[in-house]
Amino acid sequence: MTRSGALPGLCLAALLLLAGCTGSRATPAPPDPVNGLDTPNAALAATKPGKAPNPADRCQQSGNEPVTKVVLTTADGVHLAGAEFGTGPHGVLLLPQQNGDLCAWWDYATALLNQGFHVLAIDLRGTGYSESGGRADYTADAEAGIAALKHHSATKVVLIGAALGAATALVTAGRAPDQVAGVVSLSYADTDVTAGAGGDPHTPSQAAGRITAPLLLCFTAGDKQAAPGAQQLADAARGPAKQLVGRPGVSHGWDMLKVGEDDVRPDILSFLQSYS
């Protein structure tokens, strides 16, 4: 009698314990997107870009924009830090100028987001929170950025680069013409952005004849740092549209995205609306 009478109490206690465990179980926090995927990867999360603060904190911004931290892996195994603004089919990859990082793009990326574009800004290898890798092949970084945008719903990707980033965008368009919907160059330099990796092209002038995407080449009259051959590059390119936009001042690279006589933002917006 005693044993049979205790069974209901034990069962009830067990059921209550089970219910309590179930009810108190915490929902796991979603992992940071890694390599463009919303899946956990402890090895990548332990890297320098994986340990980077969330973009709003690292860039000292409000955090009100829908911005996601991403970690990309290039074809040669370098891990890159990135910030993804929004979603959607109209992809824009922002490539910084030398010694700059993705934070310098923040205001412009937010403006593009508000115009309906899906934006990814990255730290090129060796800058910001990105790893350096064994060779400064920035085109591998751009190709990883294109792949991440397309994995996250972009159907077309336009590259916007400043100075070194502009040269990278142009060479990438020559190396992977089927992946690039357009290129916006802000003060490109005619320099090797591959550190000799792979076959030609390595420089914008070498890439020109292989570029089939629309081009928007922006420059200022007094900029002594940019390559002087924008017209020749445009003439050699094989894309359906080739626009040169000159301004009278001395602004270099992303300084042309500020209010003033050298501001080219309206021209870029029109280009993106046509080709992204």
C-alpha atoms as a PDB file:
ATOM      1  CA  MET A   1       0.000   0.000   0.000  1.00  0.00           C
ATOM      2  CA  THR A   2       2.745   2.428   0.935  1.00  0.00           C
ATOM      3  CA  ARG A   3       4.724   1.768  -2.265  1.00  0.00           C
ATOM      4  CA  SER A   4       1.677   1.977  -4.552  1.00  0.00           C
ATOM      5  CA  GLY A   5       0.526   5.130  -2.804  1.00  0.00           C
ATOM      6  CA  ALA A   6       3.900   6.853  -3.382  1.00  0.00           C
ATOM      7  CA  LEU A   7       3.990   6.330  -7.120  1.00  0.00           C
ATOM      8  CA  PRO A   8       1.534   9.092  -8.107  1.00  0.00           C
ATOM      9  CA  GLY A   9       3.501  11.587  -6.008  1.00  0.00           C
ATOM     10  CA  LEU A  10       6.808  10.604  -7.589  1.00  0.00           C
ATOM     11  CA  CYS A  11       5.361  10.809 -11.075  1.00  0.00           C
ATOM     12  CA  LEU A  12       3.878  14.217 -10.359  1.00  0.00           C
ATOM     13  CA  ALA A  13       7.200  15.474  -8.993  1.00  0.00           C
ATOM     14  CA  ALA A  14       9.013  14.180 -12.057  1.00  0.00           C
ATOM     15  CA  LEU A  15       6.525  15.850 -14.370  1.00  0.00           C
ATOM     16  CA  LEU A  16       6.809  19.144 -12.498  1.00  0.00           C
ATOM     17  CA  LEU A  17      10.601  18.970 -12.622  1.00  0.00           C
ATOM     18  CA  LEU A  18      10.519  18.314 -16.366  1.00  0.00           C
ATOM     19  CA  ALA A  19       8.112  21.175 -16.934  1.00  0.00           C
ATOM     20  CA  GLY A  20      10.266  23.501 -14.852  1.00  0.00           C
ATOM     21  CA  CYS A  21      13.392  22.627 -16.827  1.00  0.00           C
ATOM     22  CA  THR A  22      11.598  23.141 -20.101  1.00  0.00           C
ATOM     23  CA  GLY A  23      10.107  26.434 -19.054  1.00  0.00           C
ATOM     24  CA  SER A  24      13.392  27.873 -17.788  1.00  0.00           C
ATOM     25  CA  ARG A  25      15.547  26.877 -20.757  1.00  0.00           C
ATOM     26  CA  ALA A  26      17.040  29.996 -22.354  1.00  0.00           C
ATOM     27  CA  THR A  27      16.693  30.516 -26.089  1.00  0.00           C
ATOM     28  CA  PRO A  28      20.189  30.476 -27.601  1.00  0.00           C
ATOM     29  CA  ALA A  29      21.300  33.788 -29.011  1.00  0.00           C
ATOM     30  CA  PRO A  30      21.707  33.735 -32.797  1.00  0.00           C
ATOM     31  CA  PRO A  31      25.346  33.527 -33.823  1.00  0.00           C
ATOM     32  CA  ASP A  32      27.082  36.292 -35.696  1.00  0.00           C
ATOM     33  CA  PRO A  33      26.921  35.612 -39.433  1.00  0.00           C
ATOM     34  CA  VAL A  34      30.170  33.930 -40.395  1.00  0.00           C
ATOM     35  CA  ASN A  35      31.485  33.683 -43.931  1.00  0.00           C
ATOM     36  CA  GLY A  36      28.247  35.183 -45.188  1.00  0.00           C
ATOM     37  CA  LEU A  37      26.215  32.379 -43.579  1.00  0.00           C
ATOM     38  CA  ASP A  38      23.901  32.499 -40.571  1.00  0.00           C
ATOM     39  CA  THR A  39      25.515  29.417 -39.071  1.00  0.00           C
ATOM     40  CA  PRO A  40      27.906  29.106 -36.138  1.00  0.00           C
ATOM     41  CA  ASN A  41      31.554  28.388 -36.795  1.00  0.00           C
ATOM     42  CA  ALA A  42      33.703  28.472 -33.683  1.00  0.00           C
ATOM     43  CA  ALA A  43      36.980  28.454 -35.615  1.00  0.00           C
ATOM     44  CA  LEU A  44      36.110  31.571 -37.614  1.00  0.00           C
ATOM     45  CA  ALA A  45      34.486  33.303 -34.656  1.00  0.00           C
ATOM     46  CA  ALA A  46      37.811  33.009 -32.832  1.00  0.00           C
ATOM     47  CA  THR A  47      39.666  34.964 -35.519  1.00  0.00           C
ATOM     48  CA  LYS A  48      40.444  38.674 -35.349  1.00  0.00           C
ATOM     49  CA  PRO A  49      37.414  39.629 -37.507  1.00  0.00           C
ATOM     50  CA  GLY A  50      35.252  37.192 -35.572  1.00  0.00           C
ATOM     51  CA  LYS A  51      36.171  38.947 -32.348  1.00  0.00           C
ATOM     52  CA  ALA A  52      35.494  42.411 -33.744  1.00  0.00           C
ATOM     53  CA  PRO A  53      32.851  44.461 -31.895  1.00  0.00           C
ATOM     54  CA  ASN A  54      29.500  44.835 -33.572  1.00  0.00           C
ATOM     55  CA  PRO A  55      29.718  47.476 -36.322  1.00  0.00           C
ATOM     56  CA  ALA A  56      27.826  50.216 -34.498  1.00  0.00           C
ATOM     57  CA  ASP A  57      30.120  49.961 -31.481  1.00  0.00           C
ATOM     58  CA  ARG A  58      33.367  49.810 -33.443  1.00  0.00           C
ATOM     59  CA  CYS A  59      32.332  52.732 -35.641  1.00  0.00           C
ATOM     60  CA  GLN A  60      30.830  54.727 -32.742  1.00  0.00           C
ATOM     61  CA  GLN A  61      27.404  54.939 -34.316  1.00  0.00           C
ATOM     62  CA  SER A  62      23.908  54.900 -32.824  1.00  0.00           C
ATOM     63  CA  GLY A  63      23.080  51.357 -33.852  1.00  0.00           C
ATOM     64  CA  ASN A  64      19.629  52.383 -35.128  1.00  0.00           C
ATOM     65  CA  GLU A  65      20.354  51.152 -38.662  1.00  0.00           C
ATOM     66  CA  PRO A  66      19.808  47.476 -39.596  1.00  0.00           C
ATOM     67  CA  VAL A  67      23.520  46.613 -39.739  1.00  0.00           C
ATOM     68  CA  THR A  68      24.927  43.127 -39.217  1.00  0.00           C
ATOM     69  CA  LYS A  69      28.479  42.059 -38.453  1.00  0.00           C
ATOM     70  CA  VAL A  70      29.839  39.551 -40.962  1.00  0.00           C
ATOM     71  CA  VAL A  71      33.046  37.562 -41.306  1.00  0.00           C
ATOM     72  CA  LEU A  72      34.082  36.505 -44.799  1.00  0.00           C
ATOM     73  CA  THR A  73      36.658  33.985 -45.952  1.00  0.00           C
ATOM     74  CA  THR A  74      38.521  34.638 -49.194  1.00  0.00           C
ATOM     75  CA  ALA A  75      39.556  31.997 -51.704  1.00  0.00           C
ATOM     76  CA  ASP A  76      43.088  32.112 -50.287  1.00  0.00           C
ATOM     77  CA  GLY A  77      41.871  31.596 -46.729  1.00  0.00           C
ATOM     78  CA  VAL A  78      42.021  35.135 -45.319  1.00  0.00           C
ATOM     79  CA  HIS A  79      39.277  36.148 -42.874  1.00  0.00           C
ATOM     80  CA  LEU A  80      37.799  39.605 -43.397  1.00  0.00           C
ATOM     81  CA  ALA A  81      35.617  41.809 -41.220  1.00  0.00           C
ATOM     82  CA  GLY A  82      32.523  43.358 -42.742  1.00  0.00           C
ATOM     83  CA  ALA A  83      29.300  45.223 -42.004  1.00  0.00           C
ATOM     84  CA  GLU A  84      26.134  44.453 -43.965  1.00  0.00           C
ATOM     85  CA  PHE A  85      23.466  47.138 -44.267  1.00  0.00           C
ATOM     86  CA  GLY A  86      19.998  45.802 -45.039  1.00  0.00           C
ATOM     87  CA  THR A  87      19.012  43.106 -47.512  1.00  0.00           C
ATOM     88  CA  GLY A  88      17.544  42.795 -50.977  1.00  0.00           C
ATOM     89  CA  PRO A  89      18.485  42.231 -54.612  1.00  0.00           C
ATOM     90  CA  HIS A  90      20.305  45.529 -55.297  1.00  0.00           C
ATOM     91  CA  GLY A  91      23.787  44.809 -53.975  1.00  0.00           C
ATOM     92  CA  VAL A  92      26.563  47.368 -53.471  1.00  0.00           C
ATOM     93  CA  LEU A  93      30.052  46.436 -52.263  1.00  0.00           C
ATOM     94  CA  LEU A  94      32.102  49.284 -50.743  1.00  0.00           C
ATOM     95  CA  LEU A  95      35.895  48.978 -50.976  1.00  0.00           C
ATOM     96  CA  PRO A  96      37.934  51.450 -48.873  1.00  0.00           C
ATOM     97  CA  GLN A  97      40.964  53.467 -49.792  1.00  0.00           C
ATOM     98  CA  GLN A  98      44.428  52.661 -48.492  1.00  0.00           C
ATOM     99  CA  ASN A  99      44.772  52.562 -44.695  1.00  0.00           C
ATOM    100  CA  GLY A 100      41.030  53.150 -44.298  1.00  0.00           C
ATOM    101  CA  ASP A 101      38.462  50.741 -42.885  1.00  0.00           C
ATOM    102  CA  LEU A 102      34.746  50.130 -43.274  1.00  0.00           C
ATOM    103  CA  CYS A 103      33.810  52.770 -40.678  1.00  0.00           C
ATOM    104  CA  ALA A 104      34.676  55.574 -43.107  1.00  0.00           C
ATOM    105  CA  TRP A 105      31.825  54.359 -45.327  1.00  0.00           C
ATOM    106  CA  TRP A 106      29.192  54.447 -42.583  1.00  0.00           C
ATOM    107  CA  ASP A 107      27.289  57.612 -43.492  1.00  0.00           C
ATOM    108  CA  TYR A 108      27.323  56.826 -47.192  1.00  0.00           C
ATOM    109  CA  ALA A 109      26.318  53.190 -46.637  1.00  0.00           C
ATOM    110  CA  THR A 110      23.406  54.377 -44.505  1.00  0.00           C
ATOM    111  CA  ALA A 111      22.341  56.797 -47.231  1.00  0.00           C
ATOM    112  CA  LEU A 112      22.391  53.977 -49.796  1.00  0.00           C
ATOM    113  CA  LEU A 113      20.435  51.751 -47.421  1.00  0.00           C
ATOM    114  CA  ASN A 114      17.765  54.431 -47.170  1.00  0.00           C
ATOM    115  CA  GLN A 115      17.575  54.470 -50.977  1.00  0.00           C
ATOM    116  CA  GLY A 116      16.782  50.738 -50.992  1.00  0.00           C
ATOM    117  CA  PHE A 117      20.213  49.240 -51.619  1.00  0.00           C
ATOM    118  CA  HIS A 118      21.736  46.186 -49.946  1.00  0.00           C
ATOM    119  CA  VAL A 119      25.208  47.286 -48.897  1.00  0.00           C
ATOM    120  CA  LEU A 120      28.305  45.473 -47.674  1.00  0.00           C
ATOM    121  CA  ALA A 121      31.361  47.397 -46.479  1.00  0.00           C
ATOM    122  CA  ILE A 122      34.528  45.445 -45.707  1.00  0.00           C
ATOM    123  CA  ASP A 123      37.957  45.953 -44.213  1.00  0.00           C
ATOM    124  CA  LEU A 124      40.469  44.968 -46.877  1.00  0.00           C
ATOM    125  CA  ARG A 125      43.097  42.512 -45.702  1.00  0.00           C
ATOM    126  CA  GLY A 126      45.644  44.021 -43.356  1.00  0.00           C
ATOM    127  CA  THR A 127      43.340  46.865 -42.252  1.00  0.00           C
ATOM    128  CA  GLY A 128      40.763  47.268 -39.510  1.00  0.00           C
ATOM    129  CA  TYR A 129      39.835  43.877 -38.064  1.00  0.00           C
ATOM    130  CA  SER A 130      40.681  41.846 -41.165  1.00  0.00           C
ATOM    131  CA  GLU A 131      43.590  39.419 -41.228  1.00  0.00           C
ATOM    132  CA  SER A 132      46.620  40.234 -43.343  1.00  0.00           C
ATOM    133  CA  GLY A 133      47.143  36.937 -45.147  1.00  0.00           C
ATOM    134  CA  GLY A 134      50.304  36.044 -46.987  1.00  0.00           C
ATOM    135  CA  ARG A 135      49.791  38.284 -50.021  1.00  0.00           C
ATOM    136  CA  ALA A 136      48.006  41.588 -50.608  1.00  0.00           C
ATOM    137  CA  ASP A 137      45.604  40.312 -53.256  1.00  0.00           C
ATOM    138  CA  TYR A 138      42.711  42.691 -52.724  1.00  0.00           C
ATOM    139  CA  THR A 139      40.749  41.266 -55.646  1.00  0.00           C
ATOM    140  CA  ALA A 140      40.265  38.092 -53.581  1.00  0.00           C
ATOM    141  CA  ASP A 141      38.680  40.288 -50.900  1.00  0.00           C
ATOM    142  CA  ALA A 142      36.320  41.879 -53.414  1.00  0.00           C
ATOM    143  CA  GLU A 143      35.308  38.506 -54.816  1.00  0.00           C
ATOM    144  CA  ALA A 144      34.509  37.266 -51.294  1.00  0.00           C
ATOM    145  CA  GLY A 145      32.352  40.354 -50.751  1.00  0.00           C
ATOM    146  CA  ILE A 146      30.454  39.763 -53.996  1.00  0.00           C
ATOM    147  CA  ALA A 147      29.817  36.141 -53.014  1.00  0.00           C
ATOM    148  CA  ALA A 148      28.524  37.154 -49.567  1.00  0.00           C
ATOM    149  CA  LEU A 149      26.094  39.712 -51.011  1.00  0.00           C
ATOM    150  CA  LYS A 150      24.777  37.210 -53.533  1.00  0.00           C
ATOM    151  CA  HIS A 151      24.387  34.555 -50.851  1.00  0.00           C
ATOM    152  CA  HIS A 152      22.309  37.055 -48.877  1.00  0.00           C
ATOM    153  CA  SER A 153      19.779  37.787 -51.653  1.00  0.00           C
ATOM    154  CA  ALA A 154      21.562  40.263 -53.951  1.00  0.00           C
ATOM    155  CA  THR A 155      20.981  39.403 -57.592  1.00  0.00           C
ATOM    156  CA  LYS A 156      23.357  42.084 -58.908  1.00  0.00           C
ATOM    157  CA  VAL A 157      26.390  43.680 -57.277  1.00  0.00           C
ATOM    158  CA  VAL A 158      27.907  47.049 -58.141  1.00  0.00           C
ATOM    159  CA  LEU A 159      31.397  47.767 -56.802  1.00  0.00           C
ATOM    160  CA  ILE A 160      32.176  51.211 -55.399  1.00  0.00           C
ATOM    161  CA  GLY A 161      35.811  51.819 -54.533  1.00  0.00           C
ATOM    162  CA  ALA A 162      37.890  54.753 -53.346  1.00  0.00           C
ATOM    163  CA  ALA A 163      41.511  55.099 -54.559  1.00  0.00           C
ATOM    164  CA  LEU A 164      43.050  51.674 -53.782  1.00  0.00           C
ATOM    165  CA  GLY A 165      39.517  50.323 -53.481  1.00  0.00           C
ATOM    166  CA  ALA A 166      38.669  51.800 -56.881  1.00  0.00           C
ATOM    167  CA  ALA A 167      41.661  50.090 -58.462  1.00  0.00           C
ATOM    168  CA  THR A 168      40.559  46.861 -56.787  1.00  0.00           C
ATOM    169  CA  ALA A 169      37.042  47.245 -58.155  1.00  0.00           C
ATOM    170  CA  LEU A 170      38.308  47.759 -61.703  1.00  0.00           C
ATOM    171  CA  VAL A 171      40.706  44.808 -61.649  1.00  0.00           C
ATOM    172  CA  THR A 172      38.037  42.584 -60.091  1.00  0.00           C
ATOM    173  CA  ALA A 173      35.637  43.572 -62.870  1.00  0.00           C
ATOM    174  CA  GLY A 174      38.299  42.524 -65.380  1.00  0.00           C
ATOM    175  CA  ARG A 175      38.967  39.221 -63.630  1.00  0.00           C
ATOM    176  CA  ALA A 176      35.350  38.272 -62.890  1.00  0.00           C
ATOM    177  CA  PRO A 177      33.238  40.134 -65.457  1.00  0.00           C
ATOM    178  CA  ASP A 178      30.238  37.844 -65.012  1.00  0.00           C
ATOM    179  CA  GLN A 179      30.035  38.693 -61.288  1.00  0.00           C
ATOM    180  CA  VAL A 180      30.055  42.496 -61.507  1.00  0.00           C
ATOM    181  CA  ALA A 181      27.028  44.563 -62.557  1.00  0.00           C
ATOM    182  CA  GLY A 182      28.852  47.892 -62.530  1.00  0.00           C
ATOM    183  CA  VAL A 183      31.876  49.770 -61.180  1.00  0.00           C
ATOM    184  CA  VAL A 184      32.046  53.199 -59.575  1.00  0.00           C
ATOM    185  CA  SER A 185      35.613  54.460 -59.281  1.00  0.00           C
ATOM    186  CA  LEU A 186      36.527  57.354 -56.997  1.00  0.00           C
ATOM    187  CA  SER A 187      40.068  58.467 -57.890  1.00  0.00           C
ATOM    188  CA  TYR A 188      41.466  55.105 -58.969  1.00  0.00           C
ATOM    189  CA  ALA A 189      45.212  54.559 -58.887  1.00  0.00           C
ATOM    190  CA  ASP A 190      46.769  52.510 -61.662  1.00  0.00           C
ATOM    191  CA  THR A 191      48.537  50.146 -59.304  1.00  0.00           C
ATOM    192  CA  ASP A 192      48.887  46.381 -58.855  1.00  0.00           C
ATOM    193  CA  VAL A 193      46.180  45.334 -56.388  1.00  0.00           C
ATOM    194  CA  THR A 194      46.954  41.618 -56.565  1.00  0.00           C
ATOM    195  CA  ALA A 195      50.581  41.485 -55.320  1.00  0.00           C
ATOM    196  CA  GLY A 196      51.269  39.461 -58.460  1.00  0.00           C
ATOM    197  CA  ALA A 197      48.769  36.728 -57.592  1.00  0.00           C
ATOM    198  CA  GLY A 198      47.254  34.845 -60.517  1.00  0.00           C
ATOM    199  CA  GLY A 199      47.346  35.817 -64.152  1.00  0.00           C
ATOM    200  CA  ASP A 200      46.555  39.154 -65.754  1.00  0.00           C
ATOM    201  CA  PRO A 201      45.071  41.621 -65.118  1.00  0.00           C
ATOM    202  CA  HIS A 202      46.838  43.061 -62.095  1.00  0.00           C
ATOM    203  CA  THR A 203      46.279  46.784 -62.668  1.00  0.00           C
ATOM    204  CA  PRO A 204      43.311  48.849 -63.888  1.00  0.00           C
ATOM    205  CA  SER A 205      44.996  49.635 -67.211  1.00  0.00           C
ATOM    206  CA  GLN A 206      45.542  45.898 -67.799  1.00  0.00           C
ATOM    207  CA  ALA A 207      41.937  45.189 -66.809  1.00  0.00           C
ATOM    208  CA  ALA A 208      40.332  47.819 -69.048  1.00  0.00           C
ATOM    209  CA  GLY A 209      39.910  45.684 -72.166  1.00  0.00           C
ATOM    210  CA  ARG A 210      38.313  42.891 -70.120  1.00  0.00           C
ATOM    211  CA  ILE A 211      35.729  45.018 -68.321  1.00  0.00           C
ATOM    212  CA  THR A 212      32.239  44.425 -69.681  1.00  0.00           C
ATOM    213  CA  ALA A 213      30.289  46.115 -66.870  1.00  0.00           C
ATOM    214  CA  PRO A 214      29.085  49.728 -66.970  1.00  0.00           C
ATOM    215  CA  LEU A 215      31.628  52.203 -65.584  1.00  0.00           C
ATOM    216  CA  LEU A 216      31.411  55.473 -63.701  1.00  0.00           C
ATOM    217  CA  LEU A 217      34.870  57.025 -63.332  1.00  0.00           C
ATOM    218  CA  CYS A 218      34.960  60.001 -60.942  1.00  0.00           C
ATOM    219  CA  PHE A 219      37.918  62.347 -60.510  1.00  0.00           C
ATOM    220  CA  THR A 220      38.820  65.937 -59.663  1.00  0.00           C
ATOM    221  CA  ALA A 221      40.950  68.342 -61.644  1.00  0.00           C
ATOM    222  CA  GLY A 222      43.405  69.047 -58.849  1.00  0.00           C
ATOM    223  CA  ASP A 223      43.891  65.509 -57.538  1.00  0.00           C
ATOM    224  CA  LYS A 224      47.536  64.551 -58.030  1.00  0.00           C
ATOM    225  CA  GLN A 225      47.154  61.093 -56.468  1.00  0.00           C
ATOM    226  CA  ALA A 226      44.718  59.579 -58.962  1.00  0.00           C
ATOM    227  CA  ALA A 227      45.754  57.959 -62.223  1.00  0.00           C
ATOM    228  CA  PRO A 228      45.639  60.382 -65.177  1.00  0.00           C
ATOM    229  CA  GLY A 229      44.346  57.910 -67.748  1.00  0.00           C
ATOM    230  CA  ALA A 230      40.608  57.743 -67.012  1.00  0.00           C
ATOM    231  CA  GLN A 231      39.636  58.562 -70.592  1.00  0.00           C
ATOM    232  CA  GLN A 232      41.954  55.913 -72.022  1.00  0.00           C
ATOM    233  CA  LEU A 233      40.616  53.316 -69.594  1.00  0.00           C
ATOM    234  CA  ALA A 234      37.036  54.181 -70.523  1.00  0.00           C
ATOM    235  CA  ASP A 235      37.872  53.963 -74.242  1.00  0.00           C
ATOM    236  CA  ALA A 236      39.400  50.503 -73.786  1.00  0.00           C
ATOM    237  CA  ALA A 237      36.572  49.101 -71.632  1.00  0.00           C
ATOM    238  CA  ARG A 238      33.913  47.060 -73.412  1.00  0.00           C
ATOM    239  CA  GLY A 239      30.906  47.801 -71.218  1.00  0.00           C
ATOM    240  CA  PRO A 240      27.576  49.202 -72.443  1.00  0.00           C
ATOM    241  CA  ALA A 241      28.023  52.507 -70.595  1.00  0.00           C
ATOM    242  CA  LYS A 242      31.139  54.499 -69.742  1.00  0.00           C
ATOM    243  CA  GLN A 243      30.719  57.743 -67.836  1.00  0.00           C
ATOM    244  CA  LEU A 244      33.443  60.149 -66.751  1.00  0.00           C
ATOM    245  CA  VAL A 245      32.507  62.629 -64.051  1.00  0.00           C
ATOM    246  CA  GLY A 246      35.027  65.383 -63.368  1.00  0.00           C
ATOM    247  CA  ARG A 247      34.889  67.994 -60.639  1.00  0.00           C
ATOM    248  CA  PRO A 248      36.969  71.197 -60.342  1.00  0.00           C
ATOM    249  CA  GLY A 249      38.456  70.772 -56.868  1.00  0.00           C
ATOM    250  CA  VAL A 250      41.137  68.620 -55.227  1.00  0.00           C
ATOM    251  CA  SER A 251      39.029  65.988 -53.419  1.00  0.00           C
ATOM    252  CA  HIS A 252      40.454  62.477 -53.437  1.00  0.00           C
ATOM    253  CA  GLY A 253      38.584  59.189 -53.112  1.00  0.00           C
ATOM    254  CA  TRP A 254      35.674  59.165 -50.711  1.00  0.00           C
ATOM    255  CA  ASP A 255      36.066  62.906 -50.085  1.00  0.00           C
ATOM    256  CA  MET A 256      33.948  63.246 -53.237  1.00  0.00           C
ATOM    257  CA  LEU A 257      31.000  61.952 -51.185  1.00  0.00           C
ATOM    258  CA  LYS A 258      30.708  65.179 -49.188  1.00  0.00           C
ATOM    259  CA  VAL A 259      28.720  68.343 -49.723  1.00  0.00           C
ATOM    260  CA  GLY A 260      30.633  70.779 -51.914  1.00  0.00           C
ATOM    261  CA  GLU A 261      31.744  71.431 -55.449  1.00  0.00           C
ATOM    262  CA  ASP A 262      33.276  67.954 -55.812  1.00  0.00           C
ATOM    263  CA  ASP A 263      30.217  66.010 -54.607  1.00  0.00           C
ATOM    264  CA  VAL A 264      29.436  63.119 -56.974  1.00  0.00           C
ATOM    265  CA  ARG A 265      26.711  61.415 -54.930  1.00  0.00           C
ATOM    266  CA  PRO A 266      23.879  62.364 -57.326  1.00  0.00           C
ATOM    267  CA  ASP A 267      25.817  60.852 -60.244  1.00  0.00           C
ATOM    268  CA  ILE A 268      26.451  57.630 -58.317  1.00  0.00           C
ATOM    269  CA  LEU A 269      22.810  57.328 -57.268  1.00  0.00           C
ATOM    270  CA  SER A 270      21.667  57.676 -60.869  1.00  0.00           C
ATOM    271  CA  PHE A 271      24.220  55.032 -61.923  1.00  0.00           C
ATOM    272  CA  LEU A 272      23.111  52.606 -59.203  1.00  0.00           C
ATOM    273  CA  GLN A 273      19.458  53.065 -60.071  1.00  0.00           C
ATOM    274  CA  SER A 274      20.287  52.133 -63.654  1.00  0.00           C
ATOM    275  CA  TYR A 275      22.578  49.142 -63.141  1.00  0.00           C
ATOM    276  CA  SER A 276      22.272  47.565 -59.670  1.00  0.00           C
END
